[in-house]
Amino acid sequence: MKVLSNLLIAMIAMTLIVACKNTPEGEAAKVGEAQTEAAAPAAAKTYNVTSGTVYWVGTKVTGQHNGTIAVSGGNIDVKDGNIASGDFTIDMASITNADLDDESKAKLVGHLQSADFFNVAEHATGKFAIVSVTPSSSEDVTHTITGNLTLKGITKSITIPANVVVMGDKLTAVTPKFTINRTDWDVKYGSGIIGTAADKIIHDDISLNIELSAEAGSEG
């Protein structure tokens, strides 16, 4: 009996270790209702987004998957060397997986694009629009950015850290990993909130990080 009890304890401990190991990485973004988006100030310098990638990691108790989503365009307005306003578009049809073989990859991507997840047929793009950008007191990042994130036609504000560099006609913005709760944007497949079996639950939090590059285009 003692041996059985010890075995059960060991199994529970291993389950907890695996669950913790597969917890999404990153600080939770502050999420709230959509806010008024910043307007481009007079004489702002506009930087056109030339490339951008959203890196994602989704996890569950038994493992995880990761991949990318392309940023398809956008504009960032800069005044006196600081970001003042802007937005960029997220091409949901470009979602990829980076850790599976071709057949499994195609199956997962198809599922992510379906109505179970991001319903790409009806919501082909997402959007991030800047509300405010403020200098950060952290030594790890330069700024704190609040913006409205739209996915599946649902808009919520999120506040995230970022490293922003504006140098001449070049602008880059890179975030460390952060997490959002997918159910805030009505992505509920496999969530524990809908009674999914414990060993099938997909964590509600998704780990994301964003990289953007832009080049100066015009004066506002």
C-alpha atoms as a PDB file:
ATOM      1  CA  MET A   1       0.000   0.000   0.000  1.00  0.00           C
ATOM      2  CA  LYS A   2       2.854   2.343   0.881  1.00  0.00           C
ATOM      3  CA  VAL A   3       4.529   1.576  -2.464  1.00  0.00           C
ATOM      4  CA  LEU A   4       1.278   2.410  -4.305  1.00  0.00           C
ATOM      5  CA  SER A   5       0.910   5.674  -2.393  1.00  0.00           C
ATOM      6  CA  ASN A   6       4.486   6.667  -3.203  1.00  0.00           C
ATOM      7  CA  LEU A   7       3.906   5.840  -6.868  1.00  0.00           C
ATOM      8  CA  LEU A   8       0.776   7.996  -6.980  1.00  0.00           C
ATOM      9  CA  ILE A   9       2.624  10.884  -5.330  1.00  0.00           C
ATOM     10  CA  ALA A  10       5.451  10.547  -7.854  1.00  0.00           C
ATOM     11  CA  MET A  11       3.001  10.530 -10.764  1.00  0.00           C
ATOM     12  CA  ILE A  12       1.230  13.636  -9.465  1.00  0.00           C
ATOM     13  CA  ALA A  13       4.566  15.388  -8.976  1.00  0.00           C
ATOM     14  CA  MET A  14       5.652  14.541 -12.533  1.00  0.00           C
ATOM     15  CA  THR A  15       2.335  15.835 -13.904  1.00  0.00           C
ATOM     16  CA  LEU A  16       2.808  19.118 -12.036  1.00  0.00           C
ATOM     17  CA  ILE A  17       6.390  19.428 -13.304  1.00  0.00           C
ATOM     18  CA  VAL A  18       5.316  18.869 -16.924  1.00  0.00           C
ATOM     19  CA  ALA A  19       2.408  21.284 -16.535  1.00  0.00           C
ATOM     20  CA  CYS A  20       4.715  23.982 -15.156  1.00  0.00           C
ATOM     21  CA  LYS A  21       7.316  23.322 -17.830  1.00  0.00           C
ATOM     22  CA  ASN A  22       4.728  23.858 -20.548  1.00  0.00           C
ATOM     23  CA  THR A  23       3.283  27.022 -19.060  1.00  0.00           C
ATOM     24  CA  PRO A  24       3.490  29.871 -21.616  1.00  0.00           C
ATOM     25  CA  GLU A  25       6.514  32.128 -21.119  1.00  0.00           C
ATOM     26  CA  GLY A  26       6.302  35.866 -20.632  1.00  0.00           C
ATOM     27  CA  GLU A  27       4.726  38.510 -18.457  1.00  0.00           C
ATOM     28  CA  ALA A  28       0.950  38.767 -18.759  1.00  0.00           C
ATOM     29  CA  ALA A  29      -0.133  41.780 -20.788  1.00  0.00           C
ATOM     30  CA  LYS A  30      -2.512  44.165 -19.077  1.00  0.00           C
ATOM     31  CA  VAL A  31      -5.808  43.736 -20.958  1.00  0.00           C
ATOM     32  CA  GLY A  32      -8.836  46.034 -20.858  1.00  0.00           C
ATOM     33  CA  GLU A  33     -11.558  47.559 -22.957  1.00  0.00           C
ATOM     34  CA  ALA A  34     -10.642  49.262 -26.219  1.00  0.00           C
ATOM     35  CA  GLN A  35      -9.302  52.790 -25.789  1.00  0.00           C
ATOM     36  CA  THR A  36      -9.179  55.888 -27.972  1.00  0.00           C
ATOM     37  CA  GLU A  37      -6.355  55.484 -30.450  1.00  0.00           C
ATOM     38  CA  ALA A  38      -3.660  58.134 -30.785  1.00  0.00           C
ATOM     39  CA  ALA A  39      -3.933  60.535 -33.733  1.00  0.00           C
ATOM     40  CA  ALA A  40      -0.886  61.503 -35.778  1.00  0.00           C
ATOM     41  CA  PRO A  41       0.403  64.891 -34.592  1.00  0.00           C
ATOM     42  CA  ALA A  42       1.203  67.715 -36.971  1.00  0.00           C
ATOM     43  CA  ALA A  43       4.598  67.451 -38.665  1.00  0.00           C
ATOM     44  CA  ALA A  44       5.030  63.822 -37.619  1.00  0.00           C
ATOM     45  CA  LYS A  45       7.415  61.683 -39.614  1.00  0.00           C
ATOM     46  CA  THR A  46       5.735  58.561 -40.968  1.00  0.00           C
ATOM     47  CA  TYR A  47       7.606  55.267 -41.007  1.00  0.00           C
ATOM     48  CA  ASN A  48       6.200  52.553 -43.264  1.00  0.00           C
ATOM     49  CA  VAL A  49       6.353  49.032 -41.819  1.00  0.00           C
ATOM     50  CA  THR A  50       8.573  47.038 -44.172  1.00  0.00           C
ATOM     51  CA  SER A  51       8.662  43.750 -42.278  1.00  0.00           C
ATOM     52  CA  GLY A  52       7.216  42.268 -39.146  1.00  0.00           C
ATOM     53  CA  THR A  53       6.576  38.962 -37.440  1.00  0.00           C
ATOM     54  CA  VAL A  54       4.450  37.821 -34.531  1.00  0.00           C
ATOM     55  CA  TYR A  55       5.995  34.746 -32.902  1.00  0.00           C
ATOM     56  CA  TRP A  56       3.520  32.541 -31.016  1.00  0.00           C
ATOM     57  CA  VAL A  57       3.720  29.601 -28.614  1.00  0.00           C
ATOM     58  CA  GLY A  58       0.656  27.645 -27.559  1.00  0.00           C
ATOM     59  CA  THR A  59       0.931  25.106 -24.753  1.00  0.00           C
ATOM     60  CA  LYS A  60      -0.944  22.284 -23.084  1.00  0.00           C
ATOM     61  CA  VAL A  61      -0.129  19.806 -20.321  1.00  0.00           C
ATOM     62  CA  THR A  62       1.273  17.273 -22.801  1.00  0.00           C
ATOM     63  CA  GLY A  63       3.338  19.605 -24.982  1.00  0.00           C
ATOM     64  CA  GLN A  64       3.451  22.794 -27.032  1.00  0.00           C
ATOM     65  CA  HIS A  65       3.536  24.169 -30.566  1.00  0.00           C
ATOM     66  CA  ASN A  66       5.073  27.320 -31.983  1.00  0.00           C
ATOM     67  CA  GLY A  67       5.104  29.311 -35.173  1.00  0.00           C
ATOM     68  CA  THR A  68       4.718  32.737 -36.733  1.00  0.00           C
ATOM     69  CA  ILE A  69       2.183  35.163 -38.167  1.00  0.00           C
ATOM     70  CA  ALA A  70       3.277  37.808 -40.666  1.00  0.00           C
ATOM     71  CA  VAL A  71       2.709  41.530 -40.299  1.00  0.00           C
ATOM     72  CA  SER A  72       1.449  42.646 -43.694  1.00  0.00           C
ATOM     73  CA  GLY A  73       1.869  46.410 -43.387  1.00  0.00           C
ATOM     74  CA  GLY A  74       1.333  49.498 -41.329  1.00  0.00           C
ATOM     75  CA  ASN A  75       2.522  52.981 -40.492  1.00  0.00           C
ATOM     76  CA  ILE A  76       4.222  54.400 -37.415  1.00  0.00           C
ATOM     77  CA  ASP A  77       4.189  58.164 -36.783  1.00  0.00           C
ATOM     78  CA  VAL A  78       7.183  59.683 -34.987  1.00  0.00           C
ATOM     79  CA  LYS A  79       7.431  63.152 -33.475  1.00  0.00           C
ATOM     80  CA  ASP A  80      10.650  64.475 -31.915  1.00  0.00           C
ATOM     81  CA  GLY A  81      12.196  60.997 -32.062  1.00  0.00           C
ATOM     82  CA  ASN A  82       9.316  59.337 -30.186  1.00  0.00           C
ATOM     83  CA  ILE A  83       6.510  57.123 -31.451  1.00  0.00           C
ATOM     84  CA  ALA A  84       3.275  59.113 -31.312  1.00  0.00           C
ATOM     85  CA  SER A  85       0.735  56.960 -33.157  1.00  0.00           C
ATOM     86  CA  GLY A  86       0.332  54.267 -35.770  1.00  0.00           C
ATOM     87  CA  ASP A  87      -0.910  50.780 -36.446  1.00  0.00           C
ATOM     88  CA  PHE A  88      -0.022  47.547 -38.201  1.00  0.00           C
ATOM     89  CA  THR A  89      -1.991  44.720 -39.795  1.00  0.00           C
ATOM     90  CA  ILE A  90      -1.629  41.051 -38.836  1.00  0.00           C
ATOM     91  CA  ASP A  91      -2.181  38.616 -41.717  1.00  0.00           C
ATOM     92  CA  MET A  92      -3.987  35.731 -40.001  1.00  0.00           C
ATOM     93  CA  ALA A  93      -3.932  33.652 -43.199  1.00  0.00           C
ATOM     94  CA  SER A  94      -0.130  33.586 -42.966  1.00  0.00           C
ATOM     95  CA  ILE A  95      -0.045  31.641 -39.694  1.00  0.00           C
ATOM     96  CA  THR A  96       2.621  28.921 -39.695  1.00  0.00           C
ATOM     97  CA  ASN A  97       3.833  26.119 -37.467  1.00  0.00           C
ATOM     98  CA  ALA A  98       7.535  25.511 -36.914  1.00  0.00           C
ATOM     99  CA  ASP A  99       7.792  22.286 -34.919  1.00  0.00           C
ATOM    100  CA  LEU A 100       5.820  19.575 -36.784  1.00  0.00           C
ATOM    101  CA  ASP A 101       6.389  17.514 -39.913  1.00  0.00           C
ATOM    102  CA  ASP A 102       4.608  18.574 -43.101  1.00  0.00           C
ATOM    103  CA  GLU A 103       1.430  16.495 -42.720  1.00  0.00           C
ATOM    104  CA  SER A 104       0.902  17.335 -39.044  1.00  0.00           C
ATOM    105  CA  LYS A 105       1.861  20.946 -39.699  1.00  0.00           C
ATOM    106  CA  ALA A 106      -0.812  21.343 -42.378  1.00  0.00           C
ATOM    107  CA  LYS A 107      -3.413  19.773 -40.084  1.00  0.00           C
ATOM    108  CA  LEU A 108      -2.576  22.098 -37.182  1.00  0.00           C
ATOM    109  CA  VAL A 109      -2.474  25.232 -39.336  1.00  0.00           C
ATOM    110  CA  GLY A 110      -5.814  24.305 -40.905  1.00  0.00           C
ATOM    111  CA  HIS A 111      -7.295  23.889 -37.440  1.00  0.00           C
ATOM    112  CA  LEU A 112      -5.893  27.215 -36.222  1.00  0.00           C
ATOM    113  CA  GLN A 113      -7.417  28.945 -39.262  1.00  0.00           C
ATOM    114  CA  SER A 114     -10.808  27.290 -38.690  1.00  0.00           C
ATOM    115  CA  ALA A 115     -13.767  28.620 -36.716  1.00  0.00           C
ATOM    116  CA  ASP A 116     -12.535  26.614 -33.689  1.00  0.00           C
ATOM    117  CA  PHE A 117      -9.710  29.112 -33.323  1.00  0.00           C
ATOM    118  CA  PHE A 118      -9.200  32.298 -35.394  1.00  0.00           C
ATOM    119  CA  ASN A 119     -11.893  31.855 -38.093  1.00  0.00           C
ATOM    120  CA  VAL A 120      -9.658  33.230 -40.835  1.00  0.00           C
ATOM    121  CA  ALA A 121     -12.370  32.828 -43.495  1.00  0.00           C
ATOM    122  CA  GLU A 122     -14.352  35.607 -41.813  1.00  0.00           C
ATOM    123  CA  HIS A 123     -11.507  37.476 -40.076  1.00  0.00           C
ATOM    124  CA  ALA A 124      -8.532  37.379 -42.431  1.00  0.00           C
ATOM    125  CA  THR A 125      -6.633  40.112 -40.626  1.00  0.00           C
ATOM    126  CA  GLY A 126      -5.996  41.366 -37.132  1.00  0.00           C
ATOM    127  CA  LYS A 127      -4.759  44.795 -36.149  1.00  0.00           C
ATOM    128  CA  PHE A 128      -2.736  46.566 -33.499  1.00  0.00           C
ATOM    129  CA  ALA A 129      -3.338  50.309 -33.165  1.00  0.00           C
ATOM    130  CA  ILE A 130      -1.310  52.498 -30.809  1.00  0.00           C
ATOM    131  CA  VAL A 131      -3.035  54.249 -27.922  1.00  0.00           C
ATOM    132  CA  SER A 132       0.071  55.513 -26.091  1.00  0.00           C
ATOM    133  CA  VAL A 133       3.819  54.989 -25.881  1.00  0.00           C
ATOM    134  CA  THR A 134       5.708  55.974 -22.732  1.00  0.00           C
ATOM    135  CA  PRO A 135       9.344  55.588 -21.638  1.00  0.00           C
ATOM    136  CA  SER A 136       9.866  52.577 -19.384  1.00  0.00           C
ATOM    137  CA  SER A 137      11.485  52.652 -15.958  1.00  0.00           C
ATOM    138  CA  SER A 138      12.731  49.088 -16.515  1.00  0.00           C
ATOM    139  CA  GLU A 139      16.334  48.428 -17.466  1.00  0.00           C
ATOM    140  CA  ASP A 140      15.231  45.609 -19.766  1.00  0.00           C
ATOM    141  CA  VAL A 141      13.049  47.595 -22.173  1.00  0.00           C
ATOM    142  CA  THR A 142      12.871  51.162 -23.428  1.00  0.00           C
ATOM    143  CA  HIS A 143       9.117  51.731 -23.627  1.00  0.00           C
ATOM    144  CA  THR A 144       5.676  50.628 -22.526  1.00  0.00           C
ATOM    145  CA  ILE A 145       3.138  50.498 -25.326  1.00  0.00           C
ATOM    146  CA  THR A 146      -0.629  50.438 -24.966  1.00  0.00           C
ATOM    147  CA  GLY A 147      -2.615  49.610 -28.071  1.00  0.00           C
ATOM    148  CA  ASN A 148      -5.874  48.145 -29.278  1.00  0.00           C
ATOM    149  CA  LEU A 149      -5.478  44.550 -30.451  1.00  0.00           C
ATOM    150  CA  THR A 150      -8.204  43.292 -32.785  1.00  0.00           C
ATOM    151  CA  LEU A 151      -8.636  39.554 -33.407  1.00  0.00           C
ATOM    152  CA  LYS A 152     -11.780  37.821 -34.711  1.00  0.00           C
ATOM    153  CA  GLY A 153     -13.430  41.241 -34.879  1.00  0.00           C
ATOM    154  CA  ILE A 154     -12.994  41.762 -31.134  1.00  0.00           C
ATOM    155  CA  THR A 155     -10.926  44.715 -29.919  1.00  0.00           C
ATOM    156  CA  LYS A 156      -9.261  44.887 -26.501  1.00  0.00           C
ATOM    157  CA  SER A 157      -6.523  47.166 -25.255  1.00  0.00           C
ATOM    158  CA  ILE A 158      -3.257  45.565 -24.189  1.00  0.00           C
ATOM    159  CA  THR A 159      -0.228  47.084 -22.494  1.00  0.00           C
ATOM    160  CA  ILE A 160       3.129  45.490 -23.292  1.00  0.00           C
ATOM    161  CA  PRO A 161       6.864  46.258 -22.919  1.00  0.00           C
ATOM    162  CA  ALA A 162       9.041  46.919 -25.963  1.00  0.00           C
ATOM    163  CA  ASN A 163      12.478  47.948 -27.076  1.00  0.00           C
ATOM    164  CA  VAL A 164      12.078  50.783 -29.579  1.00  0.00           C
ATOM    165  CA  VAL A 165      14.930  52.294 -31.565  1.00  0.00           C
ATOM    166  CA  VAL A 166      14.478  55.271 -33.913  1.00  0.00           C
ATOM    167  CA  MET A 167      17.646  56.082 -35.786  1.00  0.00           C
ATOM    168  CA  GLY A 168      17.409  58.377 -38.771  1.00  0.00           C
ATOM    169  CA  ASP A 169      15.116  56.815 -41.358  1.00  0.00           C
ATOM    170  CA  LYS A 170      15.028  53.436 -39.605  1.00  0.00           C
ATOM    171  CA  LEU A 171      12.743  52.279 -36.804  1.00  0.00           C
ATOM    172  CA  THR A 172      12.679  48.941 -35.020  1.00  0.00           C
ATOM    173  CA  ALA A 173      10.405  47.681 -32.265  1.00  0.00           C
ATOM    174  CA  VAL A 174      10.910  44.350 -30.529  1.00  0.00           C
ATOM    175  CA  THR A 175       8.941  43.027 -27.569  1.00  0.00           C
ATOM    176  CA  PRO A 176      10.078  40.414 -25.077  1.00  0.00           C
ATOM    177  CA  LYS A 177       7.718  37.476 -24.693  1.00  0.00           C
ATOM    178  CA  PHE A 178       4.353  38.373 -23.189  1.00  0.00           C
ATOM    179  CA  THR A 179       1.090  36.498 -22.786  1.00  0.00           C
ATOM    180  CA  ILE A 180      -2.533  37.175 -23.585  1.00  0.00           C
ATOM    181  CA  ASN A 181      -5.580  35.109 -22.652  1.00  0.00           C
ATOM    182  CA  ARG A 182      -7.041  33.904 -25.953  1.00  0.00           C
ATOM    183  CA  THR A 183     -10.552  33.607 -24.512  1.00  0.00           C
ATOM    184  CA  ASP A 184     -10.674  37.430 -24.273  1.00  0.00           C
ATOM    185  CA  TRP A 185     -10.869  37.301 -28.087  1.00  0.00           C
ATOM    186  CA  ASP A 186     -13.377  34.410 -28.142  1.00  0.00           C
ATOM    187  CA  VAL A 187     -10.804  31.720 -28.961  1.00  0.00           C
ATOM    188  CA  LYS A 188     -12.132  29.023 -26.639  1.00  0.00           C
ATOM    189  CA  TYR A 189     -11.400  25.667 -28.270  1.00  0.00           C
ATOM    190  CA  GLY A 190      -9.862  23.242 -25.760  1.00  0.00           C
ATOM    191  CA  SER A 191     -10.179  25.711 -22.908  1.00  0.00           C
ATOM    192  CA  GLY A 192     -10.806  24.534 -19.374  1.00  0.00           C
ATOM    193  CA  ILE A 193     -13.599  27.099 -19.109  1.00  0.00           C
ATOM    194  CA  ILE A 194     -15.782  24.993 -21.424  1.00  0.00           C
ATOM    195  CA  GLY A 195     -15.318  21.719 -19.565  1.00  0.00           C
ATOM    196  CA  THR A 196     -12.515  20.206 -21.644  1.00  0.00           C
ATOM    197  CA  ALA A 197     -11.048  17.017 -20.119  1.00  0.00           C
ATOM    198  CA  ALA A 198      -7.975  17.814 -18.013  1.00  0.00           C
ATOM    199  CA  ASP A 199      -5.510  15.935 -20.241  1.00  0.00           C
ATOM    200  CA  LYS A 200      -6.855  17.683 -23.366  1.00  0.00           C
ATOM    201  CA  ILE A 201      -6.846  21.246 -22.069  1.00  0.00           C
ATOM    202  CA  ILE A 202      -4.983  23.819 -24.131  1.00  0.00           C
ATOM    203  CA  HIS A 203      -3.779  26.658 -21.936  1.00  0.00           C
ATOM    204  CA  ASP A 204      -5.764  29.856 -22.348  1.00  0.00           C
ATOM    205  CA  ASP A 205      -2.615  31.993 -22.262  1.00  0.00           C
ATOM    206  CA  ILE A 206      -0.667  32.318 -25.513  1.00  0.00           C
ATOM    207  CA  SER A 207       2.942  33.473 -25.483  1.00  0.00           C
ATOM    208  CA  LEU A 208       3.732  36.133 -28.090  1.00  0.00           C
ATOM    209  CA  ASN A 209       6.555  38.388 -29.115  1.00  0.00           C
ATOM    210  CA  ILE A 210       6.628  40.907 -31.922  1.00  0.00           C
ATOM    211  CA  GLU A 211       9.380  42.229 -34.171  1.00  0.00           C
ATOM    212  CA  LEU A 212       8.834  45.206 -36.487  1.00  0.00           C
ATOM    213  CA  SER A 213      11.030  47.157 -38.877  1.00  0.00           C
ATOM    214  CA  ALA A 214       9.981  50.377 -40.604  1.00  0.00           C
ATOM    215  CA  GLU A 215      11.490  53.020 -42.844  1.00  0.00           C
ATOM    216  CA  ALA A 216      10.698  56.709 -43.103  1.00  0.00           C
ATOM    217  CA  GLY A 217       8.289  57.599 -45.862  1.00  0.00           C
ATOM    218  CA  SER A 218       6.899  61.093 -45.429  1.00  0.00           C
ATOM    219  CA  GLU A 219       6.276  64.061 -43.199  1.00  0.00           C
ATOM    220  CA  GLY A 220       2.737  64.429 -41.858  1.00  0.00           C
END
